[in-house]
Amino acid sequence: MIPILAVSFTVFFWGSSFPVMSFLLQTADPLVLGAGRFSLAAFFSLAWCIYSYKSKISIEHAIRFFTAGFVGIFLYNVFLNYGQQNVSAGASSFIVNCNPLFTALIGFLILKQKVTIIHWLGITLCLVGVSIISIDQEGGLELGSGATLILFAAILTAIYFHILKPLVSIYGALTSASYTIIFGTIPMLFWFPETFGFIINSTNEVRIAFLWLALFPTTIGYLTWTYTVGHFGANKASLFLYLIPPVSILLDFIWYDNAPSLYTIIGGLIIIVSVSLTLFLQNKKKLFKIKE
């Protein structure tokens, strides 16, 4: 029962983040939004690191944690938030879901890992889906448009995964995520005063939205996701993430009366099918190898 609740909360909280971010970006600067979102998560992460402290991390690992945080938290949020200023919540959630395929691509380009024809086909279909989504988004697929910025955010997530992966086996998933959040929030400290002033002078609706984003998708969402991965394993847990775009679209409609366009639905379905089918065929291929 607890694992089902954990994955359900993760999908709901992370699905809610996209419409809430779109709402806040109507008045908040993208960097102010990022600083406000991760301030609470960084506080709890710091508390966890102090509580679970066993031994000092090496300089080499500290640099790797900072790099992971800078890429996967700071830069990711910069590109995502600036991109989502001109892209709908539903479209943004679909594009971000391309990151499993880019994880394989980064492994091929940088780590010289083998990428099968299945992955190349999946990446191609994924980009087709993004192209369709971008048709009715401001700027289309021009370099610097909202869709391309969010696409780059998905690529940054893939890079972040490869940077952090070796550290998870040493420090554990929760501690690794905590260090990453702390180091990723450090560059945002410059915008904390502006963030504080913005929240103080905002309406109650904006304050509640900020609190929701910081507490549920960012802080509790990471905890429930860590538990989900620990119980189901990374491969099975990742399948549940395909429920995030439908949840995001539904909540965006219920909370803010924003309906997705036909292009977003068609392109989003192509992305979901390309990613899920690629992972399914890849896992099936591994299964056959084991049986042989």
C-alpha atoms as a PDB file:
ATOM      1  CA  MET A   1       0.000   0.000   0.000  1.00  0.00           C
ATOM      2  CA  ILE A   2       2.781   2.451   0.934  1.00  0.00           C
ATOM      3  CA  PRO A   3       4.670   2.003  -2.402  1.00  0.00           C
ATOM      4  CA  ILE A   4       1.449   2.691  -4.348  1.00  0.00           C
ATOM      5  CA  LEU A   5       0.808   5.809  -2.281  1.00  0.00           C
ATOM      6  CA  ALA A   6       4.409   6.948  -2.793  1.00  0.00           C
ATOM      7  CA  VAL A   7       4.262   6.645  -6.576  1.00  0.00           C
ATOM      8  CA  SER A   8       0.780   8.210  -6.665  1.00  0.00           C
ATOM      9  CA  PHE A   9       1.942  11.221  -4.650  1.00  0.00           C
ATOM     10  CA  THR A  10       5.031  11.567  -6.862  1.00  0.00           C
ATOM     11  CA  VAL A  11       3.006  11.589 -10.073  1.00  0.00           C
ATOM     12  CA  PHE A  12       0.413  13.984  -8.651  1.00  0.00           C
ATOM     13  CA  PHE A  13       2.910  16.398  -7.099  1.00  0.00           C
ATOM     14  CA  TRP A  14       5.254  16.470 -10.091  1.00  0.00           C
ATOM     15  CA  GLY A  15       2.298  16.707 -12.474  1.00  0.00           C
ATOM     16  CA  SER A  16       1.014  19.709 -10.517  1.00  0.00           C
ATOM     17  CA  SER A  17       4.352  21.528 -10.756  1.00  0.00           C
ATOM     18  CA  PHE A  18       3.975  22.464 -14.442  1.00  0.00           C
ATOM     19  CA  PRO A  19       0.612  24.315 -14.214  1.00  0.00           C
ATOM     20  CA  VAL A  20       1.666  25.986 -10.939  1.00  0.00           C
ATOM     21  CA  MET A  21       4.931  27.132 -12.533  1.00  0.00           C
ATOM     22  CA  SER A  22       3.054  28.527 -15.551  1.00  0.00           C
ATOM     23  CA  PHE A  23       0.783  30.443 -13.187  1.00  0.00           C
ATOM     24  CA  LEU A  24       3.675  31.874 -11.160  1.00  0.00           C
ATOM     25  CA  LEU A  25       5.676  32.806 -14.267  1.00  0.00           C
ATOM     26  CA  GLN A  26       2.942  35.255 -15.207  1.00  0.00           C
ATOM     27  CA  THR A  27       4.320  37.577 -12.508  1.00  0.00           C
ATOM     28  CA  ALA A  28       7.557  36.032 -11.205  1.00  0.00           C
ATOM     29  CA  ASP A  29      10.998  36.220 -12.795  1.00  0.00           C
ATOM     30  CA  PRO A  30      12.225  32.716 -13.794  1.00  0.00           C
ATOM     31  CA  LEU A  31      15.252  32.932 -11.472  1.00  0.00           C
ATOM     32  CA  VAL A  32      13.095  34.197  -8.601  1.00  0.00           C
ATOM     33  CA  LEU A  33      10.816  31.212  -9.156  1.00  0.00           C
ATOM     34  CA  GLY A  34      13.756  28.801  -9.029  1.00  0.00           C
ATOM     35  CA  ALA A  35      15.154  30.344  -5.836  1.00  0.00           C
ATOM     36  CA  GLY A  36      11.755  30.281  -4.129  1.00  0.00           C
ATOM     37  CA  ARG A  37      11.087  26.712  -5.216  1.00  0.00           C
ATOM     38  CA  PHE A  38      14.318  25.230  -3.858  1.00  0.00           C
ATOM     39  CA  SER A  39      14.830  27.293  -0.690  1.00  0.00           C
ATOM     40  CA  LEU A  40      12.647  24.991   1.406  1.00  0.00           C
ATOM     41  CA  ALA A  41      14.015  21.822  -0.214  1.00  0.00           C
ATOM     42  CA  ALA A  42      17.600  22.991   0.443  1.00  0.00           C
ATOM     43  CA  PHE A  43      16.777  23.611   4.121  1.00  0.00           C
ATOM     44  CA  PHE A  44      15.385  20.091   4.612  1.00  0.00           C
ATOM     45  CA  SER A  45      18.241  18.615   2.567  1.00  0.00           C
ATOM     46  CA  LEU A  46      20.786  20.348   4.797  1.00  0.00           C
ATOM     47  CA  ALA A  47      18.969  19.062   7.904  1.00  0.00           C
ATOM     48  CA  TRP A  48      19.059  15.512   6.509  1.00  0.00           C
ATOM     49  CA  CYS A  49      22.774  15.698   5.658  1.00  0.00           C
ATOM     50  CA  ILE A  50      23.565  16.886   9.195  1.00  0.00           C
ATOM     51  CA  TYR A  51      21.348  14.194  10.754  1.00  0.00           C
ATOM     52  CA  SER A  52      22.752  11.351   8.634  1.00  0.00           C
ATOM     53  CA  TYR A  53      26.366  12.583   8.709  1.00  0.00           C
ATOM     54  CA  LYS A  54      28.856   9.706   8.982  1.00  0.00           C
ATOM     55  CA  SER A  55      32.055  10.802   7.278  1.00  0.00           C
ATOM     56  CA  LYS A  56      33.375  13.736   5.275  1.00  0.00           C
ATOM     57  CA  ILE A  57      32.908  13.608   1.528  1.00  0.00           C
ATOM     58  CA  SER A  58      36.107  13.846  -0.479  1.00  0.00           C
ATOM     59  CA  ILE A  59      37.033  16.970  -2.448  1.00  0.00           C
ATOM     60  CA  GLU A  60      36.583  15.004  -5.673  1.00  0.00           C
ATOM     61  CA  HIS A  61      33.073  13.899  -4.689  1.00  0.00           C
ATOM     62  CA  ALA A  62      32.172  17.404  -3.451  1.00  0.00           C
ATOM     63  CA  ILE A  63      33.131  18.828  -6.855  1.00  0.00           C
ATOM     64  CA  ARG A  64      31.044  16.136  -8.543  1.00  0.00           C
ATOM     65  CA  PHE A  65      28.058  16.907  -6.291  1.00  0.00           C
ATOM     66  CA  PHE A  66      28.416  20.630  -7.071  1.00  0.00           C
ATOM     67  CA  THR A  67      28.600  19.902 -10.793  1.00  0.00           C
ATOM     68  CA  ALA A  68      25.506  17.680 -10.553  1.00  0.00           C
ATOM     69  CA  GLY A  69      23.649  20.380  -8.630  1.00  0.00           C
ATOM     70  CA  PHE A  70      24.764  23.167 -10.959  1.00  0.00           C
ATOM     71  CA  VAL A  71      23.679  21.210 -14.052  1.00  0.00           C
ATOM     72  CA  GLY A  72      20.665  19.271 -12.753  1.00  0.00           C
ATOM     73  CA  ILE A  73      19.166  21.846 -10.383  1.00  0.00           C
ATOM     74  CA  PHE A  74      20.380  25.349 -11.236  1.00  0.00           C
ATOM     75  CA  LEU A  75      20.830  25.247 -15.029  1.00  0.00           C
ATOM     76  CA  TYR A  76      17.872  22.882 -15.463  1.00  0.00           C
ATOM     77  CA  ASN A  77      15.569  25.325 -13.694  1.00  0.00           C
ATOM     78  CA  VAL A  78      16.980  28.317 -15.582  1.00  0.00           C
ATOM     79  CA  PHE A  79      16.211  26.740 -18.965  1.00  0.00           C
ATOM     80  CA  LEU A  80      12.915  25.151 -17.852  1.00  0.00           C
ATOM     81  CA  ASN A  81      11.562  28.324 -16.238  1.00  0.00           C
ATOM     82  CA  TYR A  82      12.578  30.636 -19.075  1.00  0.00           C
ATOM     83  CA  GLY A  83      11.194  28.134 -21.582  1.00  0.00           C
ATOM     84  CA  GLN A  84       7.897  27.714 -19.817  1.00  0.00           C
ATOM     85  CA  GLN A  85       7.230  31.430 -20.018  1.00  0.00           C
ATOM     86  CA  ASN A  86       6.142  30.817 -23.630  1.00  0.00           C
ATOM     87  CA  VAL A  87       5.135  27.143 -23.527  1.00  0.00           C
ATOM     88  CA  SER A  88       1.991  25.662 -21.984  1.00  0.00           C
ATOM     89  CA  ALA A  89       2.189  23.442 -18.884  1.00  0.00           C
ATOM     90  CA  GLY A  90       1.054  20.344 -20.787  1.00  0.00           C
ATOM     91  CA  ALA A  91       3.514  20.876 -23.639  1.00  0.00           C
ATOM     92  CA  SER A  92       6.352  21.453 -21.174  1.00  0.00           C
ATOM     93  CA  SER A  93       5.610  18.245 -19.255  1.00  0.00           C
ATOM     94  CA  PHE A  94       5.643  16.224 -22.486  1.00  0.00           C
ATOM     95  CA  ILE A  95       8.954  17.680 -23.717  1.00  0.00           C
ATOM     96  CA  VAL A  96      10.695  17.071 -20.370  1.00  0.00           C
ATOM     97  CA  ASN A  97       9.692  13.396 -20.679  1.00  0.00           C
ATOM     98  CA  CYS A  98      12.232  13.008 -23.510  1.00  0.00           C
ATOM     99  CA  ASN A  99      15.076  12.850 -20.966  1.00  0.00           C
ATOM    100  CA  PRO A 100      15.360   8.989 -20.739  1.00  0.00           C
ATOM    101  CA  LEU A 101      16.286   8.874 -24.428  1.00  0.00           C
ATOM    102  CA  PHE A 102      18.782  11.704 -24.062  1.00  0.00           C
ATOM    103  CA  THR A 103      20.339   9.833 -21.136  1.00  0.00           C
ATOM    104  CA  ALA A 104      21.249   7.045 -23.568  1.00  0.00           C
ATOM    105  CA  LEU A 105      22.461   9.575 -26.148  1.00  0.00           C
ATOM    106  CA  ILE A 106      24.743  11.331 -23.631  1.00  0.00           C
ATOM    107  CA  GLY A 107      26.103   7.925 -22.607  1.00  0.00           C
ATOM    108  CA  PHE A 108      26.958   7.271 -26.262  1.00  0.00           C
ATOM    109  CA  LEU A 109      28.559  10.654 -26.994  1.00  0.00           C
ATOM    110  CA  ILE A 110      30.533  11.141 -23.767  1.00  0.00           C
ATOM    111  CA  LEU A 111      30.930   7.756 -22.085  1.00  0.00           C
ATOM    112  CA  LYS A 112      31.185   5.785 -25.355  1.00  0.00           C
ATOM    113  CA  GLN A 113      28.352   3.510 -24.260  1.00  0.00           C
ATOM    114  CA  LYS A 114      26.616   1.436 -26.912  1.00  0.00           C
ATOM    115  CA  VAL A 115      23.331   2.838 -28.254  1.00  0.00           C
ATOM    116  CA  THR A 116      21.099   0.470 -30.194  1.00  0.00           C
ATOM    117  CA  ILE A 117      19.108   1.230 -33.327  1.00  0.00           C
ATOM    118  CA  ILE A 118      16.041   1.116 -31.058  1.00  0.00           C
ATOM    119  CA  HIS A 119      17.305   4.150 -29.127  1.00  0.00           C
ATOM    120  CA  TRP A 120      18.166   6.082 -32.303  1.00  0.00           C
ATOM    121  CA  LEU A 121      14.645   5.439 -33.605  1.00  0.00           C
ATOM    122  CA  GLY A 122      13.169   6.495 -30.262  1.00  0.00           C
ATOM    123  CA  ILE A 123      15.186   9.736 -30.204  1.00  0.00           C
ATOM    124  CA  THR A 124      14.073  10.533 -33.770  1.00  0.00           C
ATOM    125  CA  LEU A 125      10.393   9.965 -32.939  1.00  0.00           C
ATOM    126  CA  CYS A 126      10.782  11.990 -29.753  1.00  0.00           C
ATOM    127  CA  LEU A 127      12.127  14.965 -31.708  1.00  0.00           C
ATOM    128  CA  VAL A 128       9.233  14.595 -34.171  1.00  0.00           C
ATOM    129  CA  GLY A 129       6.851  14.831 -31.205  1.00  0.00           C
ATOM    130  CA  VAL A 130       8.618  17.940 -29.897  1.00  0.00           C
ATOM    131  CA  SER A 131       8.429  19.500 -33.381  1.00  0.00           C
ATOM    132  CA  ILE A 132       4.664  18.924 -33.531  1.00  0.00           C
ATOM    133  CA  ILE A 133       4.161  20.376 -30.044  1.00  0.00           C
ATOM    134  CA  SER A 134       6.182  23.475 -30.961  1.00  0.00           C
ATOM    135  CA  ILE A 135       3.921  24.293 -33.931  1.00  0.00           C
ATOM    136  CA  ASP A 136       1.473  26.296 -31.841  1.00  0.00           C
ATOM    137  CA  GLN A 137       3.969  27.425 -29.186  1.00  0.00           C
ATOM    138  CA  GLU A 138       5.538  30.888 -29.379  1.00  0.00           C
ATOM    139  CA  GLY A 139       8.780  30.809 -31.389  1.00  0.00           C
ATOM    140  CA  GLY A 140       8.248  27.280 -32.694  1.00  0.00           C
ATOM    141  CA  LEU A 141      11.556  25.391 -32.867  1.00  0.00           C
ATOM    142  CA  GLU A 142      13.725  28.457 -33.423  1.00  0.00           C
ATOM    143  CA  LEU A 143      16.895  28.449 -31.334  1.00  0.00           C
ATOM    144  CA  GLY A 144      16.071  30.176 -28.053  1.00  0.00           C
ATOM    145  CA  SER A 145      12.319  29.544 -28.267  1.00  0.00           C
ATOM    146  CA  GLY A 146      10.486  28.146 -25.258  1.00  0.00           C
ATOM    147  CA  ALA A 147      10.298  24.633 -26.733  1.00  0.00           C
ATOM    148  CA  THR A 148      14.048  24.481 -27.472  1.00  0.00           C
ATOM    149  CA  LEU A 149      14.918  25.804 -23.995  1.00  0.00           C
ATOM    150  CA  ILE A 150      12.796  23.097 -22.367  1.00  0.00           C
ATOM    151  CA  LEU A 151      14.292  20.495 -24.702  1.00  0.00           C
ATOM    152  CA  PHE A 152      17.738  21.594 -23.536  1.00  0.00           C
ATOM    153  CA  ALA A 153      16.511  21.323 -19.930  1.00  0.00           C
ATOM    154  CA  ALA A 154      15.646  17.673 -20.654  1.00  0.00           C
ATOM    155  CA  ILE A 155      19.174  17.151 -22.022  1.00  0.00           C
ATOM    156  CA  LEU A 156      20.619  18.726 -18.853  1.00  0.00           C
ATOM    157  CA  THR A 157      18.639  16.210 -16.787  1.00  0.00           C
ATOM    158  CA  ALA A 158      20.245  13.402 -18.777  1.00  0.00           C
ATOM    159  CA  ILE A 159      23.729  14.861 -18.182  1.00  0.00           C
ATOM    160  CA  TYR A 160      22.918  15.270 -14.468  1.00  0.00           C
ATOM    161  CA  PHE A 161      21.935  11.600 -14.231  1.00  0.00           C
ATOM    162  CA  HIS A 162      25.336  10.460 -15.535  1.00  0.00           C
ATOM    163  CA  ILE A 163      27.209  12.853 -13.227  1.00  0.00           C
ATOM    164  CA  LEU A 164      25.320  11.722 -10.120  1.00  0.00           C
ATOM    165  CA  LYS A 165      25.006   7.997 -10.844  1.00  0.00           C
ATOM    166  CA  PRO A 166      28.436   6.895  -9.447  1.00  0.00           C
ATOM    167  CA  LEU A 167      27.788   8.804  -6.200  1.00  0.00           C
ATOM    168  CA  VAL A 168      24.421   7.139  -5.494  1.00  0.00           C
ATOM    169  CA  SER A 169      26.067   3.739  -4.965  1.00  0.00           C
ATOM    170  CA  ILE A 170      28.437   5.336  -2.419  1.00  0.00           C
ATOM    171  CA  TYR A 171      26.184   7.696  -0.459  1.00  0.00           C
ATOM    172  CA  GLY A 172      22.705   6.372  -1.189  1.00  0.00           C
ATOM    173  CA  ALA A 173      19.895   7.952  -3.211  1.00  0.00           C
ATOM    174  CA  LEU A 174      18.475  10.255  -0.516  1.00  0.00           C
ATOM    175  CA  THR A 175      21.807  11.649   0.662  1.00  0.00           C
ATOM    176  CA  SER A 176      23.003  12.095  -2.934  1.00  0.00           C
ATOM    177  CA  ALA A 177      19.807  13.956  -3.845  1.00  0.00           C
ATOM    178  CA  SER A 178      20.169  16.123  -0.722  1.00  0.00           C
ATOM    179  CA  TYR A 179      23.757  17.145  -1.499  1.00  0.00           C
ATOM    180  CA  THR A 180      22.741  17.843  -5.097  1.00  0.00           C
ATOM    181  CA  ILE A 181      19.865  20.101  -4.019  1.00  0.00           C
ATOM    182  CA  ILE A 182      22.103  21.976  -1.562  1.00  0.00           C
ATOM    183  CA  PHE A 183      24.870  22.599  -4.113  1.00  0.00           C
ATOM    184  CA  GLY A 184      22.321  23.381  -6.840  1.00  0.00           C
ATOM    185  CA  THR A 185      20.647  25.988  -4.646  1.00  0.00           C
ATOM    186  CA  ILE A 186      23.894  27.821  -3.806  1.00  0.00           C
ATOM    187  CA  PRO A 187      23.998  29.731  -7.156  1.00  0.00           C
ATOM    188  CA  MET A 188      20.390  30.805  -6.497  1.00  0.00           C
ATOM    189  CA  LEU A 189      21.339  32.594  -3.268  1.00  0.00           C
ATOM    190  CA  PHE A 190      21.871  35.785  -5.289  1.00  0.00           C
ATOM    191  CA  TRP A 191      18.108  35.892  -6.001  1.00  0.00           C
ATOM    192  CA  PHE A 192      16.918  35.072  -2.449  1.00  0.00           C
ATOM    193  CA  PRO A 193      16.429  38.753  -1.400  1.00  0.00           C
ATOM    194  CA  GLU A 194      14.412  39.461  -4.546  1.00  0.00           C
ATOM    195  CA  THR A 195      12.440  36.247  -4.019  1.00  0.00           C
ATOM    196  CA  PHE A 196      11.627  37.198  -0.419  1.00  0.00           C
ATOM    197  CA  GLY A 197      10.463  40.661  -1.486  1.00  0.00           C
ATOM    198  CA  PHE A 198       8.354  39.226  -4.297  1.00  0.00           C
ATOM    199  CA  ILE A 199       6.570  36.737  -2.020  1.00  0.00           C
ATOM    200  CA  ILE A 200       5.942  39.359   0.684  1.00  0.00           C
ATOM    201  CA  ASN A 201       4.358  41.757  -1.827  1.00  0.00           C
ATOM    202  CA  SER A 202       2.337  39.108  -3.689  1.00  0.00           C
ATOM    203  CA  THR A 203      -1.283  38.077  -3.373  1.00  0.00           C
ATOM    204  CA  ASN A 204      -2.311  35.159  -1.162  1.00  0.00           C
ATOM    205  CA  GLU A 205      -2.952  33.062  -4.271  1.00  0.00           C
ATOM    206  CA  VAL A 206       0.651  33.542  -5.419  1.00  0.00           C
ATOM    207  CA  ARG A 207       1.984  32.785  -1.922  1.00  0.00           C
ATOM    208  CA  ILE A 208      -0.023  29.567  -1.735  1.00  0.00           C
ATOM    209  CA  ALA A 209       1.226  28.558  -5.195  1.00  0.00           C
ATOM    210  CA  PHE A 210       4.849  29.212  -4.129  1.00  0.00           C
ATOM    211  CA  LEU A 211       4.350  27.200  -0.930  1.00  0.00           C
ATOM    212  CA  TRP A 212       2.764  24.343  -2.870  1.00  0.00           C
ATOM    213  CA  LEU A 213       5.602  24.253  -5.407  1.00  0.00           C
ATOM    214  CA  ALA A 214       8.338  24.389  -2.756  1.00  0.00           C
ATOM    215  CA  LEU A 215       6.758  21.928  -0.321  1.00  0.00           C
ATOM    216  CA  PHE A 216       5.004  19.272  -2.400  1.00  0.00           C
ATOM    217  CA  PRO A 217       6.578  18.834  -5.887  1.00  0.00           C
ATOM    218  CA  THR A 218      10.091  19.878  -4.814  1.00  0.00           C
ATOM    219  CA  THR A 219      10.540  18.666  -1.210  1.00  0.00           C
ATOM    220  CA  ILE A 220       8.035  15.858  -0.622  1.00  0.00           C
ATOM    221  CA  GLY A 221       8.056  14.827  -4.305  1.00  0.00           C
ATOM    222  CA  TYR A 222      11.779  14.037  -4.180  1.00  0.00           C
ATOM    223  CA  LEU A 223      11.274  11.969  -1.009  1.00  0.00           C
ATOM    224  CA  THR A 224       8.395   9.919  -2.434  1.00  0.00           C
ATOM    225  CA  TRP A 225      10.318   9.420  -5.689  1.00  0.00           C
ATOM    226  CA  THR A 226      13.381   8.171  -3.791  1.00  0.00           C
ATOM    227  CA  TYR A 227      11.184   5.684  -1.924  1.00  0.00           C
ATOM    228  CA  THR A 228       9.523   4.626  -5.203  1.00  0.00           C
ATOM    229  CA  VAL A 229      12.863   3.958  -6.919  1.00  0.00           C
ATOM    230  CA  GLY A 230      14.067   2.035  -3.865  1.00  0.00           C
ATOM    231  CA  HIS A 231      11.001  -0.207  -3.893  1.00  0.00           C
ATOM    232  CA  PHE A 232      10.305  -0.743  -7.607  1.00  0.00           C
ATOM    233  CA  GLY A 233      13.790  -0.204  -9.055  1.00  0.00           C
ATOM    234  CA  ALA A 234      14.769   2.576 -11.470  1.00  0.00           C
ATOM    235  CA  ASN A 235      13.450   0.888 -14.643  1.00  0.00           C
ATOM    236  CA  LYS A 236       9.971   0.069 -13.312  1.00  0.00           C
ATOM    237  CA  ALA A 237       9.677   3.344 -11.421  1.00  0.00           C
ATOM    238  CA  SER A 238      10.455   5.368 -14.558  1.00  0.00           C
ATOM    239  CA  LEU A 239       7.378   3.909 -16.267  1.00  0.00           C
ATOM    240  CA  PHE A 240       5.123   5.705 -13.776  1.00  0.00           C
ATOM    241  CA  LEU A 241       6.546   9.050 -14.897  1.00  0.00           C
ATOM    242  CA  TYR A 242       4.588   8.768 -18.159  1.00  0.00           C
ATOM    243  CA  LEU A 243       1.481   9.527 -16.103  1.00  0.00           C
ATOM    244  CA  ILE A 244       2.821  13.003 -15.277  1.00  0.00           C
ATOM    245  CA  PRO A 245       1.828  14.791 -18.554  1.00  0.00           C
ATOM    246  CA  PRO A 246      -1.841  13.632 -18.419  1.00  0.00           C
ATOM    247  CA  VAL A 247      -2.019  14.676 -14.753  1.00  0.00           C
ATOM    248  CA  SER A 248      -0.397  18.010 -15.601  1.00  0.00           C
ATOM    249  CA  ILE A 249      -2.877  18.685 -18.418  1.00  0.00           C
ATOM    250  CA  LEU A 250      -5.838  17.709 -16.229  1.00  0.00           C
ATOM    251  CA  LEU A 251      -4.758  19.913 -13.306  1.00  0.00           C
ATOM    252  CA  ASP A 252      -3.968  22.818 -15.635  1.00  0.00           C
ATOM    253  CA  PHE A 253      -7.542  22.586 -16.938  1.00  0.00           C
ATOM    254  CA  ILE A 254      -9.182  22.161 -13.496  1.00  0.00           C
ATOM    255  CA  TRP A 255      -7.112  24.775 -11.638  1.00  0.00           C
ATOM    256  CA  TYR A 256      -6.482  27.393 -14.336  1.00  0.00           C
ATOM    257  CA  ASP A 257      -9.016  26.565 -17.072  1.00  0.00           C
ATOM    258  CA  ASN A 258      -6.285  25.935 -19.693  1.00  0.00           C
ATOM    259  CA  ALA A 259      -7.110  23.287 -22.289  1.00  0.00           C
ATOM    260  CA  PRO A 260      -4.295  21.631 -24.304  1.00  0.00           C
ATOM    261  CA  SER A 261      -4.141  22.151 -28.051  1.00  0.00           C
ATOM    262  CA  LEU A 262      -4.506  19.312 -30.554  1.00  0.00           C
ATOM    263  CA  TYR A 263      -0.824  19.697 -31.518  1.00  0.00           C
ATOM    264  CA  THR A 264       0.196  19.275 -27.862  1.00  0.00           C
ATOM    265  CA  ILE A 265      -1.864  16.092 -27.505  1.00  0.00           C
ATOM    266  CA  ILE A 266      -0.623  14.531 -30.762  1.00  0.00           C
ATOM    267  CA  GLY A 267       3.023  15.490 -30.210  1.00  0.00           C
ATOM    268  CA  GLY A 268       2.840  14.448 -26.555  1.00  0.00           C
ATOM    269  CA  LEU A 269       1.447  11.029 -27.422  1.00  0.00           C
ATOM    270  CA  ILE A 270       4.272  10.506 -29.946  1.00  0.00           C
ATOM    271  CA  ILE A 271       6.827  11.382 -27.227  1.00  0.00           C
ATOM    272  CA  ILE A 272       5.247   9.048 -24.658  1.00  0.00           C
ATOM    273  CA  VAL A 273       4.982   6.184 -27.163  1.00  0.00           C
ATOM    274  CA  SER A 274       8.563   6.678 -28.412  1.00  0.00           C
ATOM    275  CA  VAL A 275      10.074   6.713 -24.913  1.00  0.00           C
ATOM    276  CA  SER A 276       7.963   3.910 -23.424  1.00  0.00           C
ATOM    277  CA  LEU A 277       8.307   1.667 -26.490  1.00  0.00           C
ATOM    278  CA  THR A 278      12.077   2.215 -26.606  1.00  0.00           C
ATOM    279  CA  LEU A 279      12.486   1.269 -22.949  1.00  0.00           C
ATOM    280  CA  PHE A 280      10.123  -1.702 -23.328  1.00  0.00           C
ATOM    281  CA  LEU A 281      11.965  -3.108 -26.365  1.00  0.00           C
ATOM    282  CA  GLN A 282      15.332  -2.486 -24.729  1.00  0.00           C
ATOM    283  CA  ASN A 283      14.310  -4.324 -21.539  1.00  0.00           C
ATOM    284  CA  LYS A 284      12.803  -7.135 -23.609  1.00  0.00           C
ATOM    285  CA  LYS A 285      16.078  -7.474 -25.520  1.00  0.00           C
ATOM    286  CA  LYS A 286      18.001  -7.731 -22.230  1.00  0.00           C
ATOM    287  CA  LEU A 287      15.553 -10.368 -20.993  1.00  0.00           C
ATOM    288  CA  PHE A 288      16.109 -12.501 -24.068  1.00  0.00           C
ATOM    289  CA  LYS A 289      19.881 -12.223 -23.582  1.00  0.00           C
ATOM    290  CA  ILE A 290      19.533 -13.452 -19.985  1.00  0.00           C
ATOM    291  CA  LYS A 291      17.426 -16.429 -21.077  1.00  0.00           C
ATOM    292  CA  GLU A 292      19.943 -17.356 -23.732  1.00  0.00           C
END
